[in-house]
Amino acid sequence: MKFEYLLFNLIVVLGPVASQFNRQIKSVSRWRLKLLVSVIVMIPYVIWDALVAGSHWQFNTAYTLDFRFFGLPIEEWLFFITVPFGCLLVWETLPQVDRWLARLRSLRHIRNVLYAALPVGIWVFSTGKQYTGLVLCCFGFVGLMDMLLRTDLLLRPKTYLYLAIVAGLILVFNGYLTARPVVMYGEVYQIGYRIWTIPIEDFGYGFTLMLFNTMLYEKLKDGK
């Protein structure tokens, strides 16, 4: 079905849109800010996507519309809005779990680990595993941005509950895109390890995309 990826985006955003009719959720939901954040964060990811489409991955023309913008199907552009929009709704409706996980003092070392991912990612990229290397570099930038923006997202236990939920969503939704397959990959650019049909790099791609969105959302929401 040529409109299948488009339908995928509509299904993803259906829940978040419907939730706006719930008074309790609507009272904490800043949908305009979510859209703004999604548009800002999508810029570097779209540039990345456009530069590697046709090599690191490609889109199956059997499941995407023929219209392309900068080499990407319009559905891929929508992906960077619908998916973060839905995940940000999950974030803002999650309970605070800091008291439950207060013993996780080692979280203060997380950023140091992520800083190290940047030079490692550059080296991995140089070996030809470019998708793997870029994902590792993104983790390094996540650590840097969390420090520079002073959001301290990586120091909050709630963040790791959030990432666990995001991992489940990746298994469901990205699993569909890769199993169908709507998206096909150039195996030479990744380490070749998959969870079900999903390249392990896709989890890193999804985690960093959501973390960047959430950091910026928290920064702008609180006016820090």
N, C-alpha and C. Protein backbone atom coordinates (compact mmCIF):
# COMPACT_ATOMS: atom_id res chain seq x y z
N MET A 1 0.85 -1.19 0.00
CA MET A 1 0.00 0.00 0.00
C MET A 1 0.88 1.24 0.00
N LYS A 2 0.73 2.08 -0.98
CA LYS A 2 1.57 3.25 -1.12
C LYS A 2 1.42 4.22 0.06
N PHE A 3 0.26 4.21 0.70
CA PHE A 3 0.01 5.16 1.79
C PHE A 3 0.26 4.54 3.17
N GLU A 4 0.93 3.38 3.22
CA GLU A 4 1.08 2.66 4.48
C GLU A 4 1.92 3.41 5.50
N TYR A 5 3.01 4.03 5.09
CA TYR A 5 3.84 4.79 6.02
C TYR A 5 3.08 6.02 6.51
N LEU A 6 2.29 6.62 5.65
CA LEU A 6 1.45 7.76 6.04
C LEU A 6 0.43 7.32 7.09
N LEU A 7 -0.18 6.18 6.87
CA LEU A 7 -1.14 5.63 7.82
C LEU A 7 -0.46 5.35 9.16
N PHE A 8 0.77 4.87 9.11
CA PHE A 8 1.56 4.63 10.31
C PHE A 8 1.66 5.91 11.15
N ASN A 9 1.99 7.03 10.51
CA ASN A 9 2.11 8.31 11.21
C ASN A 9 0.79 8.74 11.83
N LEU A 10 -0.29 8.53 11.11
CA LEU A 10 -1.61 8.91 11.62
C LEU A 10 -1.97 8.09 12.85
N ILE A 11 -1.64 6.80 12.84
CA ILE A 11 -1.92 5.93 13.99
C ILE A 11 -1.09 6.36 15.20
N VAL A 12 0.19 6.70 14.94
CA VAL A 12 1.08 7.12 16.03
C VAL A 12 0.54 8.36 16.73
N VAL A 13 0.05 9.32 15.95
CA VAL A 13 -0.37 10.59 16.54
C VAL A 13 -1.83 10.56 17.03
N LEU A 14 -2.56 9.51 16.69
CA LEU A 14 -3.97 9.44 17.06
C LEU A 14 -4.17 9.49 18.57
N GLY A 15 -3.39 8.69 19.31
CA GLY A 15 -3.52 8.66 20.76
C GLY A 15 -3.24 10.01 21.40
N PRO A 16 -2.09 10.65 21.10
CA PRO A 16 -1.81 11.97 21.66
C PRO A 16 -2.87 13.02 21.34
N VAL A 17 -3.37 13.01 20.10
CA VAL A 17 -4.40 13.98 19.73
C VAL A 17 -5.68 13.72 20.52
N ALA A 18 -6.08 12.45 20.63
CA ALA A 18 -7.28 12.10 21.38
C ALA A 18 -7.16 12.46 22.85
N SER A 19 -5.92 12.39 23.38
CA SER A 19 -5.71 12.67 24.80
C SER A 19 -5.99 14.12 25.15
N GLN A 20 -5.95 15.00 24.15
CA GLN A 20 -6.20 16.41 24.43
C GLN A 20 -7.65 16.67 24.83
N PHE A 21 -8.51 15.70 24.65
CA PHE A 21 -9.90 15.84 25.09
C PHE A 21 -10.06 15.42 26.54
N ASN A 22 -8.99 14.88 27.13
CA ASN A 22 -8.99 14.53 28.54
C ASN A 22 -8.56 15.77 29.34
N ARG A 23 -9.40 16.23 30.23
CA ARG A 23 -9.12 17.48 30.94
C ARG A 23 -7.85 17.41 31.77
N GLN A 24 -7.64 16.27 32.41
CA GLN A 24 -6.47 16.13 33.27
C GLN A 24 -5.18 16.19 32.48
N ILE A 25 -5.16 15.50 31.33
CA ILE A 25 -3.96 15.52 30.49
C ILE A 25 -3.80 16.88 29.82
N LYS A 26 -4.89 17.44 29.37
CA LYS A 26 -4.83 18.73 28.68
C LYS A 26 -4.29 19.82 29.59
N SER A 27 -4.54 19.69 30.90
CA SER A 27 -4.10 20.71 31.84
C SER A 27 -2.57 20.78 31.97
N VAL A 28 -1.89 19.68 31.66
CA VAL A 28 -0.42 19.66 31.75
C VAL A 28 0.24 19.64 30.37
N SER A 29 -0.55 19.48 29.34
CA SER A 29 0.00 19.30 27.99
C SER A 29 0.17 20.64 27.29
N ARG A 30 1.35 20.87 26.79
CA ARG A 30 1.64 22.09 26.02
C ARG A 30 1.90 21.66 24.58
N TRP A 31 0.83 21.44 23.82
CA TRP A 31 0.99 20.84 22.50
C TRP A 31 1.71 21.77 21.53
N ARG A 32 1.52 23.07 21.68
CA ARG A 32 2.23 24.00 20.78
C ARG A 32 3.73 23.95 21.04
N LEU A 33 4.10 23.88 22.31
CA LEU A 33 5.52 23.78 22.64
C LEU A 33 6.10 22.46 22.14
N LYS A 34 5.33 21.38 22.25
CA LYS A 34 5.79 20.08 21.74
C LYS A 34 6.08 20.15 20.25
N LEU A 35 5.20 20.77 19.51
CA LEU A 35 5.39 20.89 18.07
C LEU A 35 6.63 21.74 17.75
N LEU A 36 6.78 22.84 18.48
CA LEU A 36 7.95 23.70 18.27
C LEU A 36 9.24 22.94 18.52
N VAL A 37 9.30 22.21 19.63
CA VAL A 37 10.48 21.45 19.98
C VAL A 37 10.76 20.38 18.92
N SER A 38 9.73 19.69 18.48
CA SER A 38 9.89 18.65 17.46
C SER A 38 10.48 19.22 16.18
N VAL A 39 10.01 20.38 15.79
CA VAL A 39 10.51 21.01 14.55
C VAL A 39 11.97 21.42 14.70
N ILE A 40 12.34 21.95 15.86
CA ILE A 40 13.73 22.37 16.08
C ILE A 40 14.67 21.16 16.06
N VAL A 41 14.31 20.12 16.81
CA VAL A 41 15.19 18.95 16.93
C VAL A 41 15.25 18.16 15.62
N MET A 42 14.18 18.22 14.83
CA MET A 42 14.18 17.43 13.60
C MET A 42 15.19 17.95 12.58
N ILE A 43 15.60 19.22 12.69
CA ILE A 43 16.48 19.82 11.68
C ILE A 43 17.78 19.03 11.50
N PRO A 44 18.57 18.79 12.57
CA PRO A 44 19.79 18.00 12.34
C PRO A 44 19.52 16.55 11.95
N TYR A 45 18.41 15.99 12.45
CA TYR A 45 18.10 14.60 12.13
C TYR A 45 17.65 14.46 10.68
N VAL A 46 16.92 15.44 10.18
CA VAL A 46 16.51 15.41 8.77
C VAL A 46 17.72 15.56 7.86
N ILE A 47 18.66 16.45 8.25
CA ILE A 47 19.88 16.61 7.46
C ILE A 47 20.65 15.29 7.43
N TRP A 48 20.78 14.66 8.59
CA TRP A 48 21.43 13.34 8.68
C TRP A 48 20.71 12.34 7.79
N ASP A 49 19.40 12.29 7.92
CA ASP A 49 18.56 11.36 7.16
C ASP A 49 18.75 11.56 5.66
N ALA A 50 18.69 12.82 5.23
CA ALA A 50 18.79 13.11 3.80
C ALA A 50 20.17 12.75 3.24
N LEU A 51 21.21 12.96 4.04
CA LEU A 51 22.57 12.69 3.57
C LEU A 51 22.85 11.20 3.39
N VAL A 52 22.21 10.35 4.21
CA VAL A 52 22.53 8.92 4.17
C VAL A 52 21.45 8.08 3.49
N ALA A 53 20.30 8.68 3.16
CA ALA A 53 19.25 7.92 2.48
C ALA A 53 19.78 7.41 1.14
N GLY A 54 19.62 6.13 0.92
CA GLY A 54 20.16 5.50 -0.27
C GLY A 54 21.44 4.74 0.01
N SER A 55 22.03 4.98 1.18
CA SER A 55 23.23 4.23 1.57
C SER A 55 23.00 3.54 2.92
N HIS A 56 22.93 4.32 4.00
CA HIS A 56 22.69 3.71 5.32
C HIS A 56 21.32 3.05 5.39
N TRP A 57 20.33 3.68 4.74
CA TRP A 57 18.99 3.11 4.66
C TRP A 57 18.27 3.68 3.45
N GLN A 58 17.18 3.05 3.09
CA GLN A 58 16.34 3.54 2.00
C GLN A 58 14.89 3.18 2.30
N PHE A 59 14.00 3.87 1.62
CA PHE A 59 12.57 3.72 1.88
C PHE A 59 11.92 2.94 0.74
N ASN A 60 11.20 1.92 1.12
CA ASN A 60 10.56 1.02 0.16
C ASN A 60 9.44 1.76 -0.56
N THR A 61 9.58 1.90 -1.87
CA THR A 61 8.58 2.65 -2.64
C THR A 61 7.22 1.95 -2.68
N ALA A 62 7.17 0.69 -2.28
CA ALA A 62 5.88 -0.02 -2.24
C ALA A 62 4.99 0.49 -1.12
N TYR A 63 5.61 1.10 -0.08
CA TYR A 63 4.86 1.52 1.10
C TYR A 63 4.93 3.01 1.37
N THR A 64 5.52 3.77 0.44
CA THR A 64 5.63 5.22 0.63
C THR A 64 5.10 5.94 -0.61
N LEU A 65 4.63 7.15 -0.40
CA LEU A 65 4.15 7.95 -1.52
C LEU A 65 5.32 8.39 -2.39
N ASP A 66 5.04 8.69 -3.63
CA ASP A 66 6.11 9.01 -4.58
C ASP A 66 6.73 10.38 -4.34
N PHE A 67 5.99 11.28 -3.68
CA PHE A 67 6.51 12.63 -3.46
C PHE A 67 7.72 12.59 -2.52
N ARG A 68 8.80 13.24 -2.93
CA ARG A 68 10.01 13.32 -2.13
C ARG A 68 10.39 14.79 -1.91
N PHE A 69 10.90 15.09 -0.73
CA PHE A 69 11.38 16.43 -0.42
C PHE A 69 12.79 16.27 0.15
N PHE A 70 13.78 16.80 -0.55
CA PHE A 70 15.19 16.57 -0.22
C PHE A 70 15.51 15.08 -0.15
N GLY A 71 14.90 14.32 -1.05
CA GLY A 71 15.18 12.90 -1.15
C GLY A 71 14.45 12.02 -0.15
N LEU A 72 13.63 12.62 0.72
CA LEU A 72 12.92 11.86 1.74
C LEU A 72 11.43 11.88 1.48
N PRO A 73 10.75 10.75 1.69
CA PRO A 73 9.29 10.76 1.55
C PRO A 73 8.67 11.66 2.59
N ILE A 74 7.55 12.26 2.26
CA ILE A 74 6.89 13.18 3.18
C ILE A 74 6.55 12.50 4.50
N GLU A 75 6.32 11.19 4.44
CA GLU A 75 6.00 10.44 5.67
C GLU A 75 7.17 10.44 6.65
N GLU A 76 8.41 10.46 6.11
CA GLU A 76 9.58 10.49 6.98
C GLU A 76 9.68 11.83 7.70
N TRP A 77 9.32 12.91 7.02
CA TRP A 77 9.29 14.22 7.67
C TRP A 77 8.26 14.22 8.80
N LEU A 78 7.11 13.62 8.54
CA LEU A 78 6.06 13.56 9.57
C LEU A 78 6.50 12.72 10.77
N PHE A 79 7.32 11.69 10.52
CA PHE A 79 7.82 10.83 11.59
C PHE A 79 8.50 11.65 12.69
N PHE A 80 9.27 12.67 12.30
CA PHE A 80 10.01 13.47 13.26
C PHE A 80 9.12 14.41 14.06
N ILE A 81 7.86 14.49 13.71
CA ILE A 81 6.89 15.28 14.47
C ILE A 81 5.96 14.38 15.26
N THR A 82 5.40 13.37 14.61
CA THR A 82 4.40 12.54 15.27
C THR A 82 4.98 11.71 16.41
N VAL A 83 6.16 11.11 16.18
CA VAL A 83 6.75 10.24 17.20
C VAL A 83 7.22 11.03 18.43
N PRO A 84 8.00 12.12 18.27
CA PRO A 84 8.35 12.90 19.46
C PRO A 84 7.13 13.50 20.17
N PHE A 85 6.12 13.90 19.41
CA PHE A 85 4.91 14.45 20.01
C PHE A 85 4.29 13.44 20.96
N GLY A 86 4.19 12.19 20.50
CA GLY A 86 3.61 11.14 21.33
C GLY A 86 4.48 10.81 22.53
N CYS A 87 5.80 10.76 22.32
CA CYS A 87 6.70 10.41 23.42
C CYS A 87 6.76 11.52 24.47
N LEU A 88 6.67 12.77 24.06
CA LEU A 88 6.65 13.87 25.03
C LEU A 88 5.40 13.82 25.89
N LEU A 89 4.31 13.35 25.33
CA LEU A 89 3.09 13.17 26.12
C LEU A 89 3.32 12.11 27.19
N VAL A 90 4.01 11.03 26.82
CA VAL A 90 4.36 10.00 27.80
C VAL A 90 5.21 10.60 28.91
N TRP A 91 6.21 11.40 28.53
CA TRP A 91 7.11 12.01 29.50
C TRP A 91 6.36 12.86 30.53
N GLU A 92 5.50 13.73 30.06
CA GLU A 92 4.86 14.67 30.97
C GLU A 92 3.76 14.05 31.82
N THR A 93 3.34 12.84 31.46
CA THR A 93 2.31 12.17 32.26
C THR A 93 2.88 11.06 33.13
N LEU A 94 4.21 10.86 33.07
CA LEU A 94 4.83 9.84 33.92
C LEU A 94 4.87 10.32 35.37
N PRO A 95 4.69 9.40 36.31
CA PRO A 95 4.82 9.79 37.73
C PRO A 95 6.29 10.03 38.07
N GLN A 96 6.52 10.83 39.09
CA GLN A 96 7.88 11.02 39.59
C GLN A 96 8.31 9.74 40.30
N VAL A 97 9.47 9.22 39.92
CA VAL A 97 9.92 7.96 40.51
C VAL A 97 11.22 8.15 41.29
N ASP A 98 11.60 9.39 41.54
CA ASP A 98 12.86 9.67 42.20
C ASP A 98 12.94 8.99 43.58
N ARG A 99 11.84 8.99 44.30
CA ARG A 99 11.86 8.38 45.63
C ARG A 99 12.03 6.86 45.54
N TRP A 100 11.41 6.27 44.50
CA TRP A 100 11.52 4.82 44.33
C TRP A 100 12.94 4.40 43.99
N LEU A 101 13.64 5.25 43.22
CA LEU A 101 14.96 4.88 42.71
C LEU A 101 16.06 5.78 43.28
N ALA A 102 15.83 6.26 44.48
CA ALA A 102 16.76 7.23 45.07
C ALA A 102 18.15 6.65 45.29
N ARG A 103 18.26 5.33 45.34
CA ARG A 103 19.56 4.71 45.61
C ARG A 103 20.47 4.66 44.38
N LEU A 104 19.94 5.06 43.26
CA LEU A 104 20.75 5.02 42.03
C LEU A 104 21.70 6.21 41.97
N ARG A 105 22.62 6.29 42.92
CA ARG A 105 23.55 7.41 42.98
C ARG A 105 24.54 7.41 41.81
N SER A 106 24.70 6.24 41.21
CA SER A 106 25.65 6.12 40.10
C SER A 106 25.20 6.89 38.86
N LEU A 107 23.98 7.43 38.86
CA LEU A 107 23.50 8.19 37.72
C LEU A 107 24.39 9.40 37.44
N ARG A 108 25.06 9.91 38.46
CA ARG A 108 25.91 11.08 38.26
C ARG A 108 27.09 10.78 37.34
N HIS A 109 27.37 9.48 37.13
CA HIS A 109 28.48 9.09 36.26
C HIS A 109 28.04 8.87 34.81
N ILE A 110 26.73 8.91 34.58
CA ILE A 110 26.20 8.62 33.24
C ILE A 110 26.78 9.56 32.20
N ARG A 111 26.81 10.84 32.52
CA ARG A 111 27.29 11.81 31.53
C ARG A 111 28.75 11.57 31.18
N ASN A 112 29.56 11.18 32.16
CA ASN A 112 30.97 10.90 31.88
C ASN A 112 31.12 9.76 30.87
N VAL A 113 30.26 8.75 31.01
CA VAL A 113 30.27 7.62 30.08
C VAL A 113 29.88 8.10 28.69
N LEU A 114 28.88 8.97 28.63
CA LEU A 114 28.41 9.46 27.33
C LEU A 114 29.44 10.37 26.66
N TYR A 115 30.17 11.14 27.44
CA TYR A 115 31.23 11.96 26.84
C TYR A 115 32.22 11.07 26.08
N ALA A 116 32.53 9.92 26.66
CA ALA A 116 33.49 9.01 26.05
C ALA A 116 32.96 8.42 24.75
N ALA A 117 31.62 8.39 24.59
CA ALA A 117 31.03 7.83 23.38
C ALA A 117 31.35 8.66 22.15
N LEU A 118 31.66 9.95 22.35
CA LEU A 118 31.93 10.82 21.20
C LEU A 118 33.23 10.44 20.48
N PRO A 119 34.36 10.37 21.15
CA PRO A 119 35.58 9.94 20.42
C PRO A 119 35.50 8.50 19.92
N VAL A 120 34.84 7.63 20.71
CA VAL A 120 34.67 6.24 20.26
C VAL A 120 33.84 6.20 18.97
N GLY A 121 32.79 7.02 18.94
CA GLY A 121 31.94 7.08 17.75
C GLY A 121 32.69 7.57 16.53
N ILE A 122 33.57 8.55 16.72
CA ILE A 122 34.37 9.05 15.60
C ILE A 122 35.28 7.94 15.06
N TRP A 123 35.87 7.17 15.98
CA TRP A 123 36.74 6.07 15.54
C TRP A 123 35.94 4.99 14.81
N VAL A 124 34.77 4.62 15.36
CA VAL A 124 33.94 3.59 14.72
C VAL A 124 33.51 4.06 13.33
N PHE A 125 33.14 5.33 13.22
CA PHE A 125 32.76 5.90 11.92
C PHE A 125 33.89 5.73 10.91
N SER A 126 35.13 5.95 11.37
CA SER A 126 36.29 5.86 10.47
C SER A 126 36.55 4.44 9.99
N THR A 127 36.02 3.44 10.69
CA THR A 127 36.21 2.04 10.28
C THR A 127 35.22 1.62 9.21
N GLY A 128 34.25 2.49 8.88
CA GLY A 128 33.25 2.16 7.88
C GLY A 128 31.89 1.85 8.45
N LYS A 129 31.80 1.61 9.76
CA LYS A 129 30.52 1.39 10.42
C LYS A 129 29.92 2.76 10.75
N GLN A 130 29.53 3.46 9.70
CA GLN A 130 29.18 4.86 9.85
C GLN A 130 27.90 5.09 10.66
N TYR A 131 26.89 4.24 10.45
CA TYR A 131 25.65 4.41 11.20
C TYR A 131 25.91 4.20 12.70
N THR A 132 26.66 3.15 13.03
CA THR A 132 27.02 2.87 14.41
C THR A 132 27.79 4.04 15.01
N GLY A 133 28.76 4.56 14.26
CA GLY A 133 29.58 5.66 14.74
C GLY A 133 28.77 6.93 14.98
N LEU A 134 27.85 7.24 14.08
CA LEU A 134 27.04 8.44 14.23
C LEU A 134 26.13 8.35 15.45
N VAL A 135 25.58 7.17 15.70
CA VAL A 135 24.72 6.99 16.87
C VAL A 135 25.53 7.20 18.16
N LEU A 136 26.74 6.64 18.20
CA LEU A 136 27.60 6.83 19.38
C LEU A 136 27.93 8.31 19.58
N CYS A 137 28.21 9.01 18.49
CA CYS A 137 28.47 10.45 18.58
C CYS A 137 27.27 11.19 19.14
N CYS A 138 26.07 10.78 18.73
CA CYS A 138 24.85 11.41 19.23
C CYS A 138 24.71 11.24 20.74
N PHE A 139 25.09 10.06 21.24
CA PHE A 139 25.06 9.86 22.69
C PHE A 139 26.03 10.81 23.38
N GLY A 140 27.19 11.03 22.77
CA GLY A 140 28.13 12.00 23.33
C GLY A 140 27.54 13.39 23.38
N PHE A 141 26.85 13.79 22.31
CA PHE A 141 26.22 15.11 22.27
C PHE A 141 25.06 15.21 23.26
N VAL A 142 24.38 14.10 23.51
CA VAL A 142 23.31 14.10 24.52
C VAL A 142 23.89 14.49 25.88
N GLY A 143 25.02 13.86 26.25
CA GLY A 143 25.66 14.20 27.51
C GLY A 143 26.07 15.66 27.58
N LEU A 144 26.66 16.17 26.47
CA LEU A 144 27.09 17.56 26.43
C LEU A 144 25.92 18.52 26.53
N MET A 145 24.84 18.25 25.79
CA MET A 145 23.69 19.14 25.80
C MET A 145 22.99 19.14 27.16
N ASP A 146 22.95 17.98 27.80
CA ASP A 146 22.32 17.92 29.12
C ASP A 146 23.08 18.80 30.11
N MET A 147 24.40 18.85 29.96
CA MET A 147 25.21 19.71 30.83
C MET A 147 25.07 21.18 30.45
N LEU A 148 25.16 21.48 29.15
CA LEU A 148 25.13 22.87 28.70
C LEU A 148 23.77 23.53 28.94
N LEU A 149 22.69 22.76 28.73
CA LEU A 149 21.35 23.29 28.94
C LEU A 149 20.95 23.28 30.42
N ARG A 150 21.74 22.57 31.22
CA ARG A 150 21.49 22.45 32.66
C ARG A 150 20.12 21.84 32.97
N THR A 151 19.72 20.92 32.11
CA THR A 151 18.45 20.23 32.34
C THR A 151 18.61 19.05 33.28
N ASP A 152 19.83 18.49 33.35
CA ASP A 152 20.14 17.35 34.23
C ASP A 152 19.16 16.20 34.04
N LEU A 153 18.74 16.02 32.82
CA LEU A 153 17.79 14.95 32.51
C LEU A 153 18.39 13.58 32.81
N LEU A 154 19.68 13.45 32.55
CA LEU A 154 20.34 12.16 32.72
C LEU A 154 20.57 11.81 34.19
N LEU A 155 20.33 12.77 35.07
CA LEU A 155 20.49 12.52 36.50
C LEU A 155 19.16 12.20 37.18
N ARG A 156 18.09 12.16 36.40
CA ARG A 156 16.76 11.90 36.96
C ARG A 156 16.37 10.44 36.74
N PRO A 157 16.03 9.74 37.81
CA PRO A 157 15.57 8.35 37.64
C PRO A 157 14.37 8.24 36.71
N LYS A 158 13.51 9.26 36.69
CA LYS A 158 12.34 9.24 35.80
C LYS A 158 12.74 9.05 34.34
N THR A 159 13.90 9.59 33.97
CA THR A 159 14.36 9.49 32.58
C THR A 159 14.53 8.04 32.15
N TYR A 160 14.97 7.18 33.04
CA TYR A 160 15.27 5.80 32.69
C TYR A 160 14.00 4.95 32.62
N LEU A 161 13.00 5.34 33.39
CA LEU A 161 11.67 4.73 33.21
C LEU A 161 11.12 5.14 31.85
N TYR A 162 11.30 6.40 31.52
CA TYR A 162 10.87 6.93 30.22
C TYR A 162 11.55 6.19 29.07
N LEU A 163 12.86 5.99 29.17
CA LEU A 163 13.59 5.30 28.11
C LEU A 163 13.17 3.84 27.99
N ALA A 164 12.80 3.22 29.11
CA ALA A 164 12.30 1.85 29.05
C ALA A 164 11.00 1.79 28.26
N ILE A 165 10.15 2.79 28.45
CA ILE A 165 8.89 2.85 27.70
C ILE A 165 9.18 3.13 26.23
N VAL A 166 10.11 4.05 25.97
CA VAL A 166 10.50 4.35 24.59
C VAL A 166 11.04 3.10 23.90
N ALA A 167 11.82 2.29 24.62
CA ALA A 167 12.35 1.04 24.05
C ALA A 167 11.21 0.12 23.64
N GLY A 168 10.17 0.04 24.48
CA GLY A 168 9.01 -0.78 24.13
C GLY A 168 8.30 -0.26 22.90
N LEU A 169 8.19 1.07 22.80
CA LEU A 169 7.54 1.66 21.62
C LEU A 169 8.38 1.43 20.36
N ILE A 170 9.70 1.48 20.49
CA ILE A 170 10.57 1.19 19.35
C ILE A 170 10.36 -0.24 18.88
N LEU A 171 10.27 -1.17 19.83
CA LEU A 171 10.05 -2.57 19.47
C LEU A 171 8.77 -2.74 18.67
N VAL A 172 7.73 -2.02 19.07
CA VAL A 172 6.43 -2.16 18.39
C VAL A 172 6.44 -1.43 17.05
N PHE A 173 6.72 -0.14 17.08
CA PHE A 173 6.55 0.68 15.88
C PHE A 173 7.72 0.55 14.90
N ASN A 174 8.95 0.61 15.42
CA ASN A 174 10.07 0.43 14.51
C ASN A 174 10.15 -1.02 14.04
N GLY A 175 9.71 -1.93 14.92
CA GLY A 175 9.65 -3.33 14.51
C GLY A 175 8.74 -3.52 13.31
N TYR A 176 7.64 -2.79 13.30
CA TYR A 176 6.73 -2.85 12.16
C TYR A 176 7.41 -2.30 10.89
N LEU A 177 8.06 -1.14 11.02
CA LEU A 177 8.68 -0.50 9.86
C LEU A 177 9.79 -1.35 9.26
N THR A 178 10.53 -2.07 10.11
CA THR A 178 11.64 -2.88 9.61
C THR A 178 11.22 -4.28 9.18
N ALA A 179 10.14 -4.79 9.76
CA ALA A 179 9.68 -6.13 9.40
C ALA A 179 8.89 -6.11 8.11
N ARG A 180 8.25 -5.01 7.80
CA ARG A 180 7.35 -4.97 6.65
C ARG A 180 8.04 -5.26 5.31
N PRO A 181 9.16 -4.71 4.85
CA PRO A 181 9.89 -3.60 5.46
C PRO A 181 9.57 -2.29 4.76
N VAL A 182 9.24 -1.26 5.54
CA VAL A 182 9.08 0.08 4.99
C VAL A 182 10.46 0.71 4.83
N VAL A 183 11.34 0.42 5.80
CA VAL A 183 12.71 0.93 5.77
C VAL A 183 13.66 -0.26 5.59
N MET A 184 14.62 -0.11 4.68
CA MET A 184 15.62 -1.15 4.43
C MET A 184 17.01 -0.56 4.65
N TYR A 185 17.94 -1.40 5.10
CA TYR A 185 19.23 -0.91 5.57
C TYR A 185 20.41 -1.42 4.76
N GLY A 186 21.45 -0.57 4.71
CA GLY A 186 22.73 -0.99 4.16
C GLY A 186 23.54 -1.63 5.27
N GLU A 187 23.59 -2.94 5.29
CA GLU A 187 24.21 -3.68 6.40
C GLU A 187 25.68 -3.31 6.62
N VAL A 188 26.37 -2.89 5.57
CA VAL A 188 27.79 -2.62 5.67
C VAL A 188 28.08 -1.45 6.60
N TYR A 189 27.10 -0.59 6.85
CA TYR A 189 27.31 0.61 7.65
C TYR A 189 26.98 0.42 9.13
N GLN A 190 26.62 -0.80 9.54
CA GLN A 190 26.26 -1.06 10.93
C GLN A 190 26.91 -2.36 11.39
N ILE A 191 26.86 -2.60 12.69
CA ILE A 191 27.56 -3.78 13.22
C ILE A 191 26.82 -5.08 12.92
N GLY A 192 25.56 -4.99 12.52
CA GLY A 192 24.84 -6.17 12.08
C GLY A 192 24.05 -6.89 13.15
N TYR A 193 24.03 -6.35 14.37
CA TYR A 193 23.27 -6.99 15.45
C TYR A 193 21.86 -6.42 15.47
N ARG A 194 20.87 -7.30 15.51
CA ARG A 194 19.47 -6.86 15.51
C ARG A 194 18.71 -7.44 16.69
N ILE A 195 17.74 -6.68 17.15
CA ILE A 195 16.75 -7.17 18.09
C ILE A 195 15.46 -7.33 17.29
N TRP A 196 15.07 -8.59 17.10
CA TRP A 196 14.00 -8.93 16.16
C TRP A 196 14.46 -8.47 14.78
N THR A 197 13.77 -7.54 14.15
CA THR A 197 14.19 -7.07 12.82
C THR A 197 14.83 -5.68 12.91
N ILE A 198 15.06 -5.19 14.12
CA ILE A 198 15.50 -3.81 14.31
C ILE A 198 17.01 -3.75 14.53
N PRO A 199 17.74 -3.03 13.69
CA PRO A 199 19.18 -2.84 13.96
C PRO A 199 19.37 -2.20 15.32
N ILE A 200 20.35 -2.65 16.07
CA ILE A 200 20.59 -2.12 17.41
C ILE A 200 20.82 -0.61 17.37
N GLU A 201 21.36 -0.12 16.25
CA GLU A 201 21.60 1.31 16.11
C GLU A 201 20.30 2.11 16.14
N ASP A 202 19.21 1.50 15.67
CA ASP A 202 17.93 2.21 15.66
C ASP A 202 17.46 2.56 17.07
N PHE A 203 17.79 1.70 18.04
CA PHE A 203 17.45 2.02 19.42
C PHE A 203 18.20 3.26 19.88
N GLY A 204 19.50 3.34 19.55
CA GLY A 204 20.27 4.52 19.90
C GLY A 204 19.76 5.76 19.19
N TYR A 205 19.40 5.61 17.93
CA TYR A 205 18.84 6.72 17.15
C TYR A 205 17.57 7.22 17.83
N GLY A 206 16.69 6.29 18.21
CA GLY A 206 15.43 6.66 18.85
C GLY A 206 15.64 7.28 20.22
N PHE A 207 16.54 6.69 21.02
CA PHE A 207 16.80 7.22 22.36
C PHE A 207 17.32 8.66 22.30
N THR A 208 18.30 8.89 21.42
CA THR A 208 18.88 10.23 21.36
C THR A 208 17.88 11.24 20.81
N LEU A 209 17.09 10.85 19.82
CA LEU A 209 16.07 11.75 19.29
C LEU A 209 15.10 12.16 20.38
N MET A 210 14.64 11.19 21.18
CA MET A 210 13.70 11.50 22.24
C MET A 210 14.34 12.30 23.37
N LEU A 211 15.60 12.00 23.69
CA LEU A 211 16.28 12.74 24.75
C LEU A 211 16.50 14.20 24.36
N PHE A 212 16.90 14.44 23.13
CA PHE A 212 17.07 15.82 22.67
C PHE A 212 15.74 16.57 22.73
N ASN A 213 14.67 15.93 22.28
CA ASN A 213 13.34 16.55 22.34
C ASN A 213 12.95 16.86 23.78
N THR A 214 13.17 15.92 24.68
CA THR A 214 12.75 16.08 26.06
C THR A 214 13.59 17.14 26.77
N MET A 215 14.90 17.18 26.49
CA MET A 215 15.75 18.21 27.09
C MET A 215 15.28 19.60 26.69
N LEU A 216 15.06 19.79 25.40
CA LEU A 216 14.65 21.11 24.93
C LEU A 216 13.26 21.46 25.45
N TYR A 217 12.38 20.47 25.52
CA TYR A 217 11.03 20.70 26.05
C TYR A 217 11.11 21.17 27.50
N GLU A 218 11.92 20.50 28.31
CA GLU A 218 12.07 20.88 29.72
C GLU A 218 12.69 22.26 29.85
N LYS A 219 13.67 22.55 29.01
CA LYS A 219 14.34 23.84 29.06
C LYS A 219 13.37 24.98 28.75
N LEU A 220 12.61 24.83 27.68
CA LEU A 220 11.68 25.89 27.27
C LEU A 220 10.45 25.95 28.16
N LYS A 221 10.01 24.82 28.64
CA LYS A 221 8.81 24.78 29.49
C LYS A 221 9.02 25.54 30.80
N ASP A 222 10.17 25.33 31.38
CA ASP A 222 10.47 25.95 32.67
C ASP A 222 11.16 27.30 32.54
N GLY A 223 11.53 27.64 31.31
CA GLY A 223 12.20 28.92 31.09
C GLY A 223 13.51 29.05 31.82
N LYS A 224 14.25 27.91 31.89
CA LYS A 224 15.51 27.91 32.64
C LYS A 224 16.59 28.73 31.93
